[in-house]
Amino acid sequence: MDVEAIVAAKDFTSDSRLFWEGLGLPISDKQRTESVVAFEKNFRDQISTNGIPDYRDVKYTFKQRQQLHDNFVVLTLDCLWPDGSTVEMKLPALKVGSEWKAVLAPGYDHL
C-alpha cells in the first residue's frame, strides 16, 4: 500500500481545526500551523509503528448517511471482521474542494 496516498486522503488541517474547536480554546495561527504538522507526524508514526491497517477482508454495509452540513457527513457502517466480530462505526467526512476526506471529529470513530 502507498503510505503517501493514505496521507493524501487525510485532511490534517481540518483535523486540527476540529480538535481545537472541540476544546473551545482560542488558537493562534502559529499553533494552528504547528498542530497540522503534529497531526500528520502522529499519523505517520502510528502507521510506522502499527503498520497500515488491512481492511480488505472486512465486510461492511452502509447503514446511514447523516448530512450535518453541505460539506460534512457522518457515515454509519456495520462492519463484520474476519474473526466474526461486528462493530458499528460512525465515520466523519468533510468535503474539501471536490474531494471527501476522512477527518477526526470529537465523538466519532476514525480509520
Protein backbone atom coordinates (compact mmCIF):
# COMPACT_ATOMS: atom_id res chain seq x y z
CA MET A 1 0.00 0.00 0.00
CA ASP A 2 1.08 3.54 -0.72
CA VAL A 3 1.58 5.49 2.53
CA GLU A 4 1.69 8.79 0.64
CA ALA A 5 -1.73 8.05 -0.92
CA ILE A 6 -3.12 7.28 2.53
CA VAL A 7 -1.67 10.51 3.91
CA ALA A 8 -3.09 12.44 0.93
CA ALA A 9 -6.55 11.06 1.73
CA LYS A 10 -6.42 12.70 5.17
CA ASP A 11 -7.10 16.36 5.91
CA PHE A 12 -4.84 17.30 8.79
CA THR A 13 -5.83 20.98 8.57
CA SER A 14 -9.45 20.10 9.25
CA ASP A 15 -8.42 17.55 11.91
CA SER A 16 -6.54 20.32 13.71
CA ARG A 17 -9.38 22.84 13.38
CA LEU A 18 -11.97 20.35 14.64
CA PHE A 19 -9.72 19.38 17.55
CA TRP A 20 -9.25 22.96 18.74
CA GLU A 21 -12.92 23.85 18.18
CA GLY A 22 -13.89 20.76 20.19
CA LEU A 23 -11.81 22.04 23.10
CA GLY A 24 -13.32 25.50 22.80
CA LEU A 25 -9.89 27.09 23.16
CA PRO A 26 -8.53 30.04 21.20
CA ILE A 27 -5.63 29.21 18.89
CA SER A 28 -3.03 31.37 17.21
CA ASP A 29 -2.00 30.97 13.58
CA LYS A 30 1.35 29.60 14.75
CA GLN A 31 -0.34 26.99 16.98
CA ARG A 32 -2.65 26.03 14.11
CA THR A 33 0.28 25.52 11.73
CA GLU A 34 2.24 23.55 14.34
CA SER A 35 -0.74 21.33 15.18
CA VAL A 36 -1.29 20.45 11.49
CA VAL A 37 2.34 19.30 11.32
CA ALA A 38 1.91 17.38 14.60
CA PHE A 39 -1.27 15.64 13.42
CA GLU A 40 0.46 14.44 10.25
CA LYS A 41 3.57 13.33 12.15
CA ASN A 42 1.48 11.40 14.68
CA PHE A 43 -0.44 9.71 11.87
CA ARG A 44 2.78 8.73 10.07
CA ASP A 45 4.30 7.49 13.36
CA GLN A 46 1.20 5.39 14.03
CA ILE A 47 1.46 3.78 10.58
CA SER A 48 5.19 3.23 11.08
CA THR A 49 4.65 1.59 14.48
CA ASN A 50 1.44 -0.38 13.83
CA GLY A 51 1.62 -0.83 10.07
CA ILE A 52 -1.11 0.05 7.62
CA PRO A 53 -4.46 -1.36 8.72
CA ASP A 54 -5.72 -4.05 6.35
CA TYR A 55 -9.45 -3.73 5.80
CA ARG A 56 -9.61 -5.93 2.68
CA ASP A 57 -11.35 -8.82 4.46
CA VAL A 58 -13.77 -6.63 6.41
CA LYS A 59 -17.30 -6.82 5.08
CA TYR A 60 -19.36 -3.71 5.58
CA THR A 61 -22.70 -2.26 4.69
CA PHE A 62 -23.69 1.37 4.73
CA LYS A 63 -26.34 1.81 7.34
CA GLN A 64 -26.87 5.56 7.30
CA ARG A 65 -25.56 8.81 5.85
CA GLN A 66 -26.18 11.77 8.11
CA GLN A 67 -25.70 15.10 6.30
CA LEU A 68 -24.79 17.56 9.07
CA HIS A 69 -23.75 20.40 6.74
CA ASP A 70 -23.29 20.82 2.99
CA ASN A 71 -19.67 19.80 3.40
CA PHE A 72 -19.84 17.46 6.42
CA VAL A 73 -21.37 13.97 6.64
CA VAL A 74 -21.22 11.10 9.08
CA LEU A 75 -21.35 7.65 7.53
CA THR A 76 -22.58 4.80 9.70
CA LEU A 77 -21.30 1.37 8.69
CA ASP A 78 -21.99 -2.10 10.04
CA CYS A 79 -18.66 -3.98 9.87
CA LEU A 80 -18.08 -7.73 10.03
CA TRP A 81 -14.46 -8.62 10.81
CA PRO A 82 -12.82 -11.86 9.63
CA ASP A 83 -12.90 -13.24 13.20
CA GLY A 84 -16.72 -12.91 13.23
CA SER A 85 -16.87 -9.84 15.46
CA THR A 86 -19.07 -6.95 14.44
CA VAL A 87 -18.94 -3.24 15.07
CA GLU A 88 -20.93 -0.20 14.05
CA MET A 89 -18.64 2.63 13.02
CA LYS A 90 -19.55 6.29 12.63
CA LEU A 91 -17.06 7.89 10.27
CA PRO A 92 -17.00 11.66 9.71
CA ALA A 93 -16.03 13.05 6.31
CA LEU A 94 -15.50 16.64 5.22
CA LYS A 95 -15.70 17.90 1.64
CA VAL A 96 -12.52 19.79 0.81
CA GLY A 97 -12.64 21.25 -2.68
CA SER A 98 -14.12 18.48 -4.82
CA GLU A 99 -12.98 15.60 -2.58
CA TRP A 100 -14.39 13.99 0.57
CA LYS A 101 -11.76 13.39 3.26
CA ALA A 102 -11.96 11.33 6.43
CA VAL A 103 -11.45 13.58 9.45
CA LEU A 104 -11.03 13.25 13.19
CA ALA A 105 -14.06 14.78 14.85
CA PRO A 106 -14.78 14.54 18.56
CA GLY A 107 -17.27 11.79 19.36
CA TYR A 108 -16.80 9.78 16.15
CA ASP A 109 -14.74 6.79 15.04
CA HIS A 110 -11.88 7.15 12.58
CA LEU A 111 -9.78 4.90 10.43
